[in-house]
Amino acid sequence: MEENGKEDIVVVIGTPSPDSSKLYALTVTEGDPTWAGALAGAALNLPVFHITEAEIRDQIDEQVFEDELGGVDMVLDVEDIAEAVRSVREGVQR
């Protein structure tokens, strides 16, 4: 990252809950909030999105998304997950 910069890097996560999504989003933006991992205190400031957010989903071929993730919106709370990730991305902690 230091060699090539981070302008073209986006982190896409596929975590199953709002809490886990927020934890992973915080880890790649502000550093590991638990201070237990390798990224403790390492603020990468990378933009992070969940795979189900429109910004990512709209870039994936519809059939590929359906084949790989079809029905995910029936088993995950995608709206709350998206809100958790968006709050971290926008710097609004809830």
PDB file of N, CA and C in Angstrom:
ATOM      1  N   MET A   1       0.821  -1.180   0.000  1.00  0.00           N
ATOM      2  CA  MET A   1       0.000   0.000   0.000  1.00  0.00           C
ATOM      3  C   MET A   1       0.869   1.249   0.000  1.00  0.00           C
ATOM      4  N   GLU A   2       1.947   1.229   0.773  1.00  0.00           N
ATOM      5  CA  GLU A   2       2.827   2.383   0.811  1.00  0.00           C
ATOM      6  C   GLU A   2       3.459   2.626  -0.553  1.00  0.00           C
ATOM      7  N   GLU A   3       3.775   1.558  -1.256  1.00  0.00           N
ATOM      8  CA  GLU A   3       4.438   1.668  -2.552  1.00  0.00           C
ATOM      9  C   GLU A   3       3.501   2.177  -3.638  1.00  0.00           C
ATOM     10  N   ASN A   4       2.279   1.699  -3.650  1.00  0.00           N
ATOM     11  CA  ASN A   4       1.339   2.035  -4.718  1.00  0.00           C
ATOM     12  C   ASN A   4       0.264   3.028  -4.307  1.00  0.00           C
ATOM     13  N   GLY A   5       0.187   3.383  -3.054  1.00  0.00           N
ATOM     14  CA  GLY A   5      -0.854   4.285  -2.589  1.00  0.00           C
ATOM     15  C   GLY A   5      -2.144   3.537  -2.336  1.00  0.00           C
ATOM     16  N   LYS A   6      -3.115   4.251  -1.792  1.00  0.00           N
ATOM     17  CA  LYS A   6      -4.385   3.600  -1.479  1.00  0.00           C
ATOM     18  C   LYS A   6      -5.559   4.236  -2.202  1.00  0.00           C
ATOM     19  N   GLU A   7      -5.269   5.086  -3.175  1.00  0.00           N
ATOM     20  CA  GLU A   7      -6.343   5.775  -3.899  1.00  0.00           C
ATOM     21  C   GLU A   7      -7.283   4.808  -4.619  1.00  0.00           C
ATOM     22  N   ASP A   8      -6.745   3.692  -5.093  1.00  0.00           N
ATOM     23  CA  ASP A   8      -7.547   2.747  -5.867  1.00  0.00           C
ATOM     24  C   ASP A   8      -7.940   1.510  -5.072  1.00  0.00           C
ATOM     25  N   ILE A   9      -7.906   1.596  -3.760  1.00  0.00           N
ATOM     26  CA  ILE A   9      -8.238   0.447  -2.920  1.00  0.00           C
ATOM     27  C   ILE A   9      -9.593   0.671  -2.252  1.00  0.00           C
ATOM     28  N   VAL A  10     -10.441  -0.333  -2.359  1.00  0.00           N
ATOM     29  CA  VAL A  10     -11.727  -0.356  -1.667  1.00  0.00           C
ATOM     30  C   VAL A  10     -11.835  -1.720  -1.003  1.00  0.00           C
ATOM     31  N   VAL A  11     -12.259  -1.738   0.234  1.00  0.00           N
ATOM     32  CA  VAL A  11     -12.437  -2.993   0.957  1.00  0.00           C
ATOM     33  C   VAL A  11     -13.902  -3.391   0.855  1.00  0.00           C
ATOM     34  N   VAL A  12     -14.143  -4.631   0.430  1.00  0.00           N
ATOM     35  CA  VAL A  12     -15.504  -5.165   0.340  1.00  0.00           C
ATOM     36  C   VAL A  12     -15.593  -6.319   1.324  1.00  0.00           C
ATOM     37  N   ILE A  13     -16.538  -6.201   2.263  1.00  0.00           N
ATOM     38  CA  ILE A  13     -16.718  -7.248   3.265  1.00  0.00           C
ATOM     39  C   ILE A  13     -18.038  -7.975   3.022  1.00  0.00           C
ATOM     40  N   GLY A  14     -18.159  -9.141   3.591  1.00  0.00           N
ATOM     41  CA  GLY A  14     -19.378  -9.923   3.469  1.00  0.00           C
ATOM     42  C   GLY A  14     -19.811 -10.485   4.810  1.00  0.00           C
ATOM     43  N   THR A  15     -19.647  -9.707   5.833  1.00  0.00           N
ATOM     44  CA  THR A  15     -19.932 -10.135   7.198  1.00  0.00           C
ATOM     45  C   THR A  15     -21.434 -10.315   7.439  1.00  0.00           C
ATOM     46  N   PRO A  16     -21.806 -11.181   8.393  1.00  0.00           N
ATOM     47  CA  PRO A  16     -23.209 -11.583   8.534  1.00  0.00           C
ATOM     48  C   PRO A  16     -24.092 -10.758   9.463  1.00  0.00           C
ATOM     49  N   SER A  17     -23.530  -9.785  10.179  1.00  0.00           N
ATOM     50  CA  SER A  17     -24.354  -9.034  11.118  1.00  0.00           C
ATOM     51  C   SER A  17     -23.902  -7.578  11.169  1.00  0.00           C
ATOM     52  N   PRO A  18     -24.764  -6.687  11.657  1.00  0.00           N
ATOM     53  CA  PRO A  18     -24.358  -5.282  11.803  1.00  0.00           C
ATOM     54  C   PRO A  18     -23.149  -5.119  12.723  1.00  0.00           C
ATOM     55  N   ASP A  19     -23.102  -5.852  13.831  1.00  0.00           N
ATOM     56  CA  ASP A  19     -21.989  -5.723  14.771  1.00  0.00           C
ATOM     57  C   ASP A  19     -20.668  -6.183  14.157  1.00  0.00           C
ATOM     58  N   SER A  20     -20.670  -7.334  13.501  1.00  0.00           N
ATOM     59  CA  SER A  20     -19.428  -7.814  12.894  1.00  0.00           C
ATOM     60  C   SER A  20     -19.017  -6.918  11.736  1.00  0.00           C
ATOM     61  N   SER A  21     -19.988  -6.409  11.003  1.00  0.00           N
ATOM     62  CA  SER A  21     -19.690  -5.511   9.886  1.00  0.00           C
ATOM     63  C   SER A  21     -19.046  -4.229  10.383  1.00  0.00           C
ATOM     64  N   LYS A  22     -19.573  -3.697  11.468  1.00  0.00           N
ATOM     65  CA  LYS A  22     -19.006  -2.472  12.043  1.00  0.00           C
ATOM     66  C   LYS A  22     -17.586  -2.725  12.545  1.00  0.00           C
ATOM     67  N   LEU A  23     -17.360  -3.860  13.188  1.00  0.00           N
ATOM     68  CA  LEU A  23     -16.030  -4.192  13.703  1.00  0.00           C
ATOM     69  C   LEU A  23     -15.009  -4.268  12.564  1.00  0.00           C
ATOM     70  N   TYR A  24     -15.343  -4.979  11.498  1.00  0.00           N
ATOM     71  CA  TYR A  24     -14.420  -5.087  10.372  1.00  0.00           C
ATOM     72  C   TYR A  24     -14.236  -3.751   9.665  1.00  0.00           C
ATOM     73  N   ALA A  25     -15.306  -2.987   9.541  1.00  0.00           N
ATOM     74  CA  ALA A  25     -15.197  -1.667   8.917  1.00  0.00           C
ATOM     75  C   ALA A  25     -14.294  -0.756   9.735  1.00  0.00           C
ATOM     76  N   LEU A  26     -14.455  -0.767  11.049  1.00  0.00           N
ATOM     77  CA  LEU A  26     -13.585   0.031  11.911  1.00  0.00           C
ATOM     78  C   LEU A  26     -12.131  -0.420  11.796  1.00  0.00           C
ATOM     79  N   THR A  27     -11.921  -1.713  11.681  1.00  0.00           N
ATOM     80  CA  THR A  27     -10.567  -2.247  11.606  1.00  0.00           C
ATOM     81  C   THR A  27      -9.810  -1.722  10.392  1.00  0.00           C
ATOM     82  N   VAL A  28     -10.472  -1.638   9.238  1.00  0.00           N
ATOM     83  CA  VAL A  28      -9.769  -1.181   8.030  1.00  0.00           C
ATOM     84  C   VAL A  28      -9.788   0.330   7.865  1.00  0.00           C
ATOM     85  N   THR A  29     -10.516   1.026   8.712  1.00  0.00           N
ATOM     86  CA  THR A  29     -10.493   2.484   8.641  1.00  0.00           C
ATOM     87  C   THR A  29      -9.661   3.071   9.773  1.00  0.00           C
ATOM     88  N   GLU A  30      -9.985   2.711  11.005  1.00  0.00           N
ATOM     89  CA  GLU A  30      -9.333   3.316  12.170  1.00  0.00           C
ATOM     90  C   GLU A  30      -8.305   2.417  12.843  1.00  0.00           C
ATOM     91  N   GLY A  31      -8.242   1.167  12.459  1.00  0.00           N
ATOM     92  CA  GLY A  31      -7.379   0.199  13.127  1.00  0.00           C
ATOM     93  C   GLY A  31      -8.224  -0.692  14.012  1.00  0.00           C
ATOM     94  N   ASP A  32      -7.656  -1.795  14.428  1.00  0.00           N
ATOM     95  CA  ASP A  32      -8.387  -2.788  15.218  1.00  0.00           C
ATOM     96  C   ASP A  32      -8.886  -2.176  16.525  1.00  0.00           C
ATOM     97  N   PRO A  33     -10.224  -2.019  16.683  1.00  0.00           N
ATOM     98  CA  PRO A  33     -10.760  -1.403  17.894  1.00  0.00           C
ATOM     99  C   PRO A  33     -10.595  -2.262  19.148  1.00  0.00           C
ATOM    100  N   THR A  34     -10.305  -3.534  18.978  1.00  0.00           N
ATOM    101  CA  THR A  34     -10.102  -4.396  20.148  1.00  0.00           C
ATOM    102  C   THR A  34      -8.666  -4.334  20.650  1.00  0.00           C
ATOM    103  N   TRP A  35      -7.795  -3.732  19.874  1.00  0.00           N
ATOM    104  CA  TRP A  35      -6.365  -3.643  20.173  1.00  0.00           C
ATOM    105  C   TRP A  35      -5.734  -5.017  20.357  1.00  0.00           C
ATOM    106  N   ALA A  36      -6.300  -6.029  19.702  1.00  0.00           N
ATOM    107  CA  ALA A  36      -5.789  -7.382  19.856  1.00  0.00           C
ATOM    108  C   ALA A  36      -5.104  -7.899  18.599  1.00  0.00           C
ATOM    109  N   GLY A  37      -5.348  -7.267  17.476  1.00  0.00           N
ATOM    110  CA  GLY A  37      -4.828  -7.790  16.224  1.00  0.00           C
ATOM    111  C   GLY A  37      -3.669  -6.990  15.660  1.00  0.00           C
ATOM    112  N   ALA A  38      -3.218  -7.422  14.501  1.00  0.00           N
ATOM    113  CA  ALA A  38      -2.074  -6.788  13.841  1.00  0.00           C
ATOM    114  C   ALA A  38      -2.355  -5.347  13.426  1.00  0.00           C
ATOM    115  N   LEU A  39      -3.617  -4.985  13.276  1.00  0.00           N
ATOM    116  CA  LEU A  39      -3.963  -3.625  12.868  1.00  0.00           C
ATOM    117  C   LEU A  39      -4.321  -2.720  14.051  1.00  0.00           C
ATOM    118  N   ALA A  40      -3.980  -3.129  15.242  1.00  0.00           N
ATOM    119  CA  ALA A  40      -4.233  -2.294  16.420  1.00  0.00           C
ATOM    120  C   ALA A  40      -3.507  -0.963  16.263  1.00  0.00           C
ATOM    121  N   GLY A  41      -4.275   0.103  16.287  1.00  0.00           N
ATOM    122  CA  GLY A  41      -3.696   1.436  16.166  1.00  0.00           C
ATOM    123  C   GLY A  41      -3.243   1.803  14.770  1.00  0.00           C
ATOM    124  N   ALA A  42      -3.493   0.948  13.790  1.00  0.00           N
ATOM    125  CA  ALA A  42      -3.061   1.199  12.415  1.00  0.00           C
ATOM    126  C   ALA A  42      -4.249   1.721  11.602  1.00  0.00           C
ATOM    127  N   ALA A  43      -4.409   3.022  11.564  1.00  0.00           N
ATOM    128  CA  ALA A  43      -5.521   3.623  10.821  1.00  0.00           C
ATOM    129  C   ALA A  43      -5.206   3.599   9.330  1.00  0.00           C
ATOM    130  N   LEU A  44      -5.835   2.687   8.594  1.00  0.00           N
ATOM    131  CA  LEU A  44      -5.601   2.563   7.158  1.00  0.00           C
ATOM    132  C   LEU A  44      -6.448   3.552   6.366  1.00  0.00           C
ATOM    133  N   ASN A  45      -7.531   4.017   6.959  1.00  0.00           N
ATOM    134  CA  ASN A  45      -8.435   4.972   6.309  1.00  0.00           C
ATOM    135  C   ASN A  45      -8.889   4.515   4.923  1.00  0.00           C
ATOM    136  N   LEU A  46      -9.203   3.248   4.811  1.00  0.00           N
ATOM    137  CA  LEU A  46      -9.680   2.700   3.544  1.00  0.00           C
ATOM    138  C   LEU A  46     -11.200   2.744   3.491  1.00  0.00           C
ATOM    139  N   PRO A  47     -11.755   3.059   2.330  1.00  0.00           N
ATOM    140  CA  PRO A  47     -13.208   3.018   2.211  1.00  0.00           C
ATOM    141  C   PRO A  47     -13.679   1.561   2.249  1.00  0.00           C
ATOM    142  N   VAL A  48     -14.741   1.309   2.983  1.00  0.00           N
ATOM    143  CA  VAL A  48     -15.226  -0.057   3.143  1.00  0.00           C
ATOM    144  C   VAL A  48     -16.711  -0.109   2.816  1.00  0.00           C
ATOM    145  N   PHE A  49     -17.091  -1.172   2.117  1.00  0.00           N
ATOM    146  CA  PHE A  49     -18.477  -1.401   1.717  1.00  0.00           C
ATOM    147  C   PHE A  49     -18.825  -2.851   1.996  1.00  0.00           C
ATOM    148  N   HIS A  50     -20.096  -3.098   2.245  1.00  0.00           N
ATOM    149  CA  HIS A  50     -20.582  -4.472   2.353  1.00  0.00           C
ATOM    150  C   HIS A  50     -21.009  -4.912   0.962  1.00  0.00           C
ATOM    151  N   ILE A  51     -20.828  -6.168   0.659  1.00  0.00           N
ATOM    152  CA  ILE A  51     -21.128  -6.713  -0.676  1.00  0.00           C
ATOM    153  C   ILE A  51     -22.580  -6.466  -1.091  1.00  0.00           C
ATOM    154  N   THR A  52     -23.470  -6.316  -0.122  1.00  0.00           N
ATOM    155  CA  THR A  52     -24.887  -6.117  -0.447  1.00  0.00           C
ATOM    156  C   THR A  52     -25.270  -4.654  -0.636  1.00  0.00           C
ATOM    157  N   GLU A  53     -24.350  -3.719  -0.371  1.00  0.00           N
ATOM    158  CA  GLU A  53     -24.677  -2.306  -0.566  1.00  0.00           C
ATOM    159  C   GLU A  53     -24.807  -2.015  -2.064  1.00  0.00           C
ATOM    160  N   ALA A  54     -25.722  -1.135  -2.393  1.00  0.00           N
ATOM    161  CA  ALA A  54     -26.017  -0.819  -3.792  1.00  0.00           C
ATOM    162  C   ALA A  54     -24.775  -0.392  -4.561  1.00  0.00           C
ATOM    163  N   GLU A  55     -23.875   0.358  -3.914  1.00  0.00           N
ATOM    164  CA  GLU A  55     -22.673   0.830  -4.605  1.00  0.00           C
ATOM    165  C   GLU A  55     -21.822  -0.322  -5.135  1.00  0.00           C
ATOM    166  N   ILE A  56     -21.854  -1.455  -4.459  1.00  0.00           N
ATOM    167  CA  ILE A  56     -21.098  -2.637  -4.886  1.00  0.00           C
ATOM    168  C   ILE A  56     -21.988  -3.560  -5.704  1.00  0.00           C
ATOM    169  N   ARG A  57     -23.153  -3.847  -5.182  1.00  0.00           N
ATOM    170  CA  ARG A  57     -24.063  -4.786  -5.855  1.00  0.00           C
ATOM    171  C   ARG A  57     -24.362  -4.361  -7.293  1.00  0.00           C
ATOM    172  N   ASP A  58     -24.526  -3.068  -7.523  1.00  0.00           N
ATOM    173  CA  ASP A  58     -24.841  -2.574  -8.866  1.00  0.00           C
ATOM    174  C   ASP A  58     -23.695  -2.756  -9.855  1.00  0.00           C
ATOM    175  N   GLN A  59     -22.493  -3.038  -9.361  1.00  0.00           N
ATOM    176  CA  GLN A  59     -21.341  -3.235 -10.238  1.00  0.00           C
ATOM    177  C   GLN A  59     -21.098  -4.707 -10.577  1.00  0.00           C
ATOM    178  N   ILE A  60     -21.899  -5.576  -9.987  1.00  0.00           N
ATOM    179  CA  ILE A  60     -21.757  -7.012 -10.194  1.00  0.00           C
ATOM    180  C   ILE A  60     -22.855  -7.480 -11.140  1.00  0.00           C
ATOM    181  N   ASP A  61     -22.470  -8.291 -12.103  1.00  0.00           N
ATOM    182  CA  ASP A  61     -23.455  -8.865 -13.019  1.00  0.00           C
ATOM    183  C   ASP A  61     -24.579  -9.501 -12.197  1.00  0.00           C
ATOM    184  N   GLU A  62     -25.814  -9.201 -12.574  1.00  0.00           N
ATOM    185  CA  GLU A  62     -26.976  -9.657 -11.817  1.00  0.00           C
ATOM    186  C   GLU A  62     -27.008 -11.172 -11.647  1.00  0.00           C
ATOM    187  N   GLN A  63     -26.678 -11.908 -12.702  1.00  0.00           N
ATOM    188  CA  GLN A  63     -26.703 -13.370 -12.628  1.00  0.00           C
ATOM    189  C   GLN A  63     -25.588 -13.896 -11.721  1.00  0.00           C
ATOM    190  N   VAL A  64     -24.431 -13.275 -11.771  1.00  0.00           N
ATOM    191  CA  VAL A  64     -23.325 -13.679 -10.896  1.00  0.00           C
ATOM    192  C   VAL A  64     -23.712 -13.438  -9.444  1.00  0.00           C
ATOM    193  N   PHE A  65     -24.291 -12.264  -9.161  1.00  0.00           N
ATOM    194  CA  PHE A  65     -24.713 -11.977  -7.793  1.00  0.00           C
ATOM    195  C   PHE A  65     -25.742 -13.006  -7.331  1.00  0.00           C
ATOM    196  N   GLU A  66     -26.694 -13.292  -8.173  1.00  0.00           N
ATOM    197  CA  GLU A  66     -27.735 -14.267  -7.826  1.00  0.00           C
ATOM    198  C   GLU A  66     -27.138 -15.653  -7.593  1.00  0.00           C
ATOM    199  N   ASP A  67     -26.218 -16.069  -8.471  1.00  0.00           N
ATOM    200  CA  ASP A  67     -25.596 -17.393  -8.325  1.00  0.00           C
ATOM    201  C   ASP A  67     -24.777 -17.504  -7.045  1.00  0.00           C
ATOM    202  N   GLU A  68     -24.062 -16.441  -6.701  1.00  0.00           N
ATOM    203  CA  GLU A  68     -23.153 -16.491  -5.565  1.00  0.00           C
ATOM    204  C   GLU A  68     -23.790 -16.062  -4.243  1.00  0.00           C
ATOM    205  N   LEU A  69     -24.709 -15.112  -4.301  1.00  0.00           N
ATOM    206  CA  LEU A  69     -25.263 -14.532  -3.076  1.00  0.00           C
ATOM    207  C   LEU A  69     -26.787 -14.497  -3.067  1.00  0.00           C
ATOM    208  N   GLY A  70     -27.404 -15.198  -3.971  1.00  0.00           N
ATOM    209  CA  GLY A  70     -28.852 -15.193  -4.072  1.00  0.00           C
ATOM    210  C   GLY A  70     -29.523 -15.547  -2.751  1.00  0.00           C
ATOM    211  N   GLY A  71     -30.484 -14.757  -2.363  1.00  0.00           N
ATOM    212  CA  GLY A  71     -31.226 -15.004  -1.138  1.00  0.00           C
ATOM    213  C   GLY A  71     -30.590 -14.429   0.115  1.00  0.00           C
ATOM    214  N   VAL A  72     -29.428 -13.810  -0.035  1.00  0.00           N
ATOM    215  CA  VAL A  72     -28.755 -13.273   1.149  1.00  0.00           C
ATOM    216  C   VAL A  72     -29.624 -12.239   1.858  1.00  0.00           C
ATOM    217  N   ASP A  73     -30.401 -11.502   1.094  1.00  0.00           N
ATOM    218  CA  ASP A  73     -31.257 -10.482   1.698  1.00  0.00           C
ATOM    219  C   ASP A  73     -32.405 -11.087   2.497  1.00  0.00           C
ATOM    220  N   MET A  74     -32.639 -12.396   2.337  1.00  0.00           N
ATOM    221  CA  MET A  74     -33.681 -13.064   3.112  1.00  0.00           C
ATOM    222  C   MET A  74     -33.153 -13.593   4.449  1.00  0.00           C
ATOM    223  N   VAL A  75     -31.841 -13.765   4.561  1.00  0.00           N
ATOM    224  CA  VAL A  75     -31.281 -14.334   5.784  1.00  0.00           C
ATOM    225  C   VAL A  75     -30.449 -13.329   6.591  1.00  0.00           C
ATOM    226  N   LEU A  76     -30.027 -12.250   5.954  1.00  0.00           N
ATOM    227  CA  LEU A  76     -29.260 -11.219   6.655  1.00  0.00           C
ATOM    228  C   LEU A  76     -30.070  -9.940   6.733  1.00  0.00           C
ATOM    229  N   ASP A  77     -29.804  -9.165   7.753  1.00  0.00           N
ATOM    230  CA  ASP A  77     -30.444  -7.861   7.893  1.00  0.00           C
ATOM    231  C   ASP A  77     -29.608  -6.851   7.103  1.00  0.00           C
ATOM    232  N   VAL A  78     -29.752  -6.882   5.769  1.00  0.00           N
ATOM    233  CA  VAL A  78     -28.878  -6.101   4.895  1.00  0.00           C
ATOM    234  C   VAL A  78     -29.001  -4.591   5.124  1.00  0.00           C
ATOM    235  N   GLU A  79     -30.160  -4.122   5.500  1.00  0.00           N
ATOM    236  CA  GLU A  79     -30.316  -2.683   5.748  1.00  0.00           C
ATOM    237  C   GLU A  79     -29.536  -2.246   6.977  1.00  0.00           C
ATOM    238  N   ASP A  80     -29.627  -2.999   8.062  1.00  0.00           N
ATOM    239  CA  ASP A  80     -28.877  -2.651   9.277  1.00  0.00           C
ATOM    240  C   ASP A  80     -27.372  -2.841   9.072  1.00  0.00           C
ATOM    241  N   ILE A  81     -26.995  -3.856   8.312  1.00  0.00           N
ATOM    242  CA  ILE A  81     -25.583  -4.068   7.993  1.00  0.00           C
ATOM    243  C   ILE A  81     -25.059  -2.883   7.191  1.00  0.00           C
ATOM    244  N   ALA A  82     -25.794  -2.486   6.171  1.00  0.00           N
ATOM    245  CA  ALA A  82     -25.374  -1.351   5.339  1.00  0.00           C
ATOM    246  C   ALA A  82     -25.265  -0.086   6.175  1.00  0.00           C
ATOM    247  N   GLU A  83     -26.188   0.125   7.076  1.00  0.00           N
ATOM    248  CA  GLU A  83     -26.151   1.316   7.936  1.00  0.00           C
ATOM    249  C   GLU A  83     -24.928   1.295   8.852  1.00  0.00           C
ATOM    250  N   ALA A  84     -24.587   0.126   9.379  1.00  0.00           N
ATOM    251  CA  ALA A  84     -23.416   0.008  10.250  1.00  0.00           C
ATOM    252  C   ALA A  84     -22.137   0.347   9.486  1.00  0.00           C
ATOM    253  N   VAL A  85     -22.006  -0.185   8.287  1.00  0.00           N
ATOM    254  CA  VAL A  85     -20.815   0.069   7.479  1.00  0.00           C
ATOM    255  C   VAL A  85     -20.788   1.524   7.015  1.00  0.00           C
ATOM    256  N   ARG A  86     -21.926   2.025   6.594  1.00  0.00           N
ATOM    257  CA  ARG A  86     -22.015   3.418   6.142  1.00  0.00           C
ATOM    258  C   ARG A  86     -21.647   4.387   7.264  1.00  0.00           C
ATOM    259  N   SER A  87     -22.078   4.088   8.487  1.00  0.00           N
ATOM    260  CA  SER A  87     -21.765   4.980   9.608  1.00  0.00           C
ATOM    261  C   SER A  87     -20.258   5.054   9.858  1.00  0.00           C
ATOM    262  N   VAL A  88     -19.573   3.943   9.690  1.00  0.00           N
ATOM    263  CA  VAL A  88     -18.122   3.945   9.836  1.00  0.00           C
ATOM    264  C   VAL A  88     -17.487   4.705   8.667  1.00  0.00           C
ATOM    265  N   ARG A  89     -17.939   4.420   7.473  1.00  0.00           N
ATOM    266  CA  ARG A  89     -17.389   5.060   6.268  1.00  0.00           C
ATOM    267  C   ARG A  89     -17.561   6.576   6.332  1.00  0.00           C
ATOM    268  N   GLU A  90     -18.671   7.021   6.850  1.00  0.00           N
ATOM    269  CA  GLU A  90     -18.953   8.455   6.921  1.00  0.00           C
ATOM    270  C   GLU A  90     -18.462   9.072   8.229  1.00  0.00           C
ATOM    271  N   GLY A  91     -17.870   8.261   9.094  1.00  0.00           N
ATOM    272  CA  GLY A  91     -17.316   8.778  10.342  1.00  0.00           C
ATOM    273  C   GLY A  91     -18.347   9.069  11.407  1.00  0.00           C
ATOM    274  N   VAL A  92     -19.521   8.474  11.276  1.00  0.00           N
ATOM    275  CA  VAL A  92     -20.592   8.679  12.254  1.00  0.00           C
ATOM    276  C   VAL A  92     -20.722   7.385  13.064  1.00  0.00           C
ATOM    277  N   GLN A  93     -20.252   7.401  14.292  1.00  0.00           N
ATOM    278  CA  GLN A  93     -20.322   6.208  15.132  1.00  0.00           C
ATOM    279  C   GLN A  93     -21.613   6.183  15.916  1.00  0.00           C
ATOM    280  N   ARG A  94     -22.320   5.062  15.811  1.00  0.00           N
ATOM    281  CA  ARG A  94     -23.576   4.880  16.546  1.00  0.00           C
ATOM    282  C   ARG A  94     -23.435   3.760  17.529  1.00  0.00           C
TER     283      ARG A  94
END
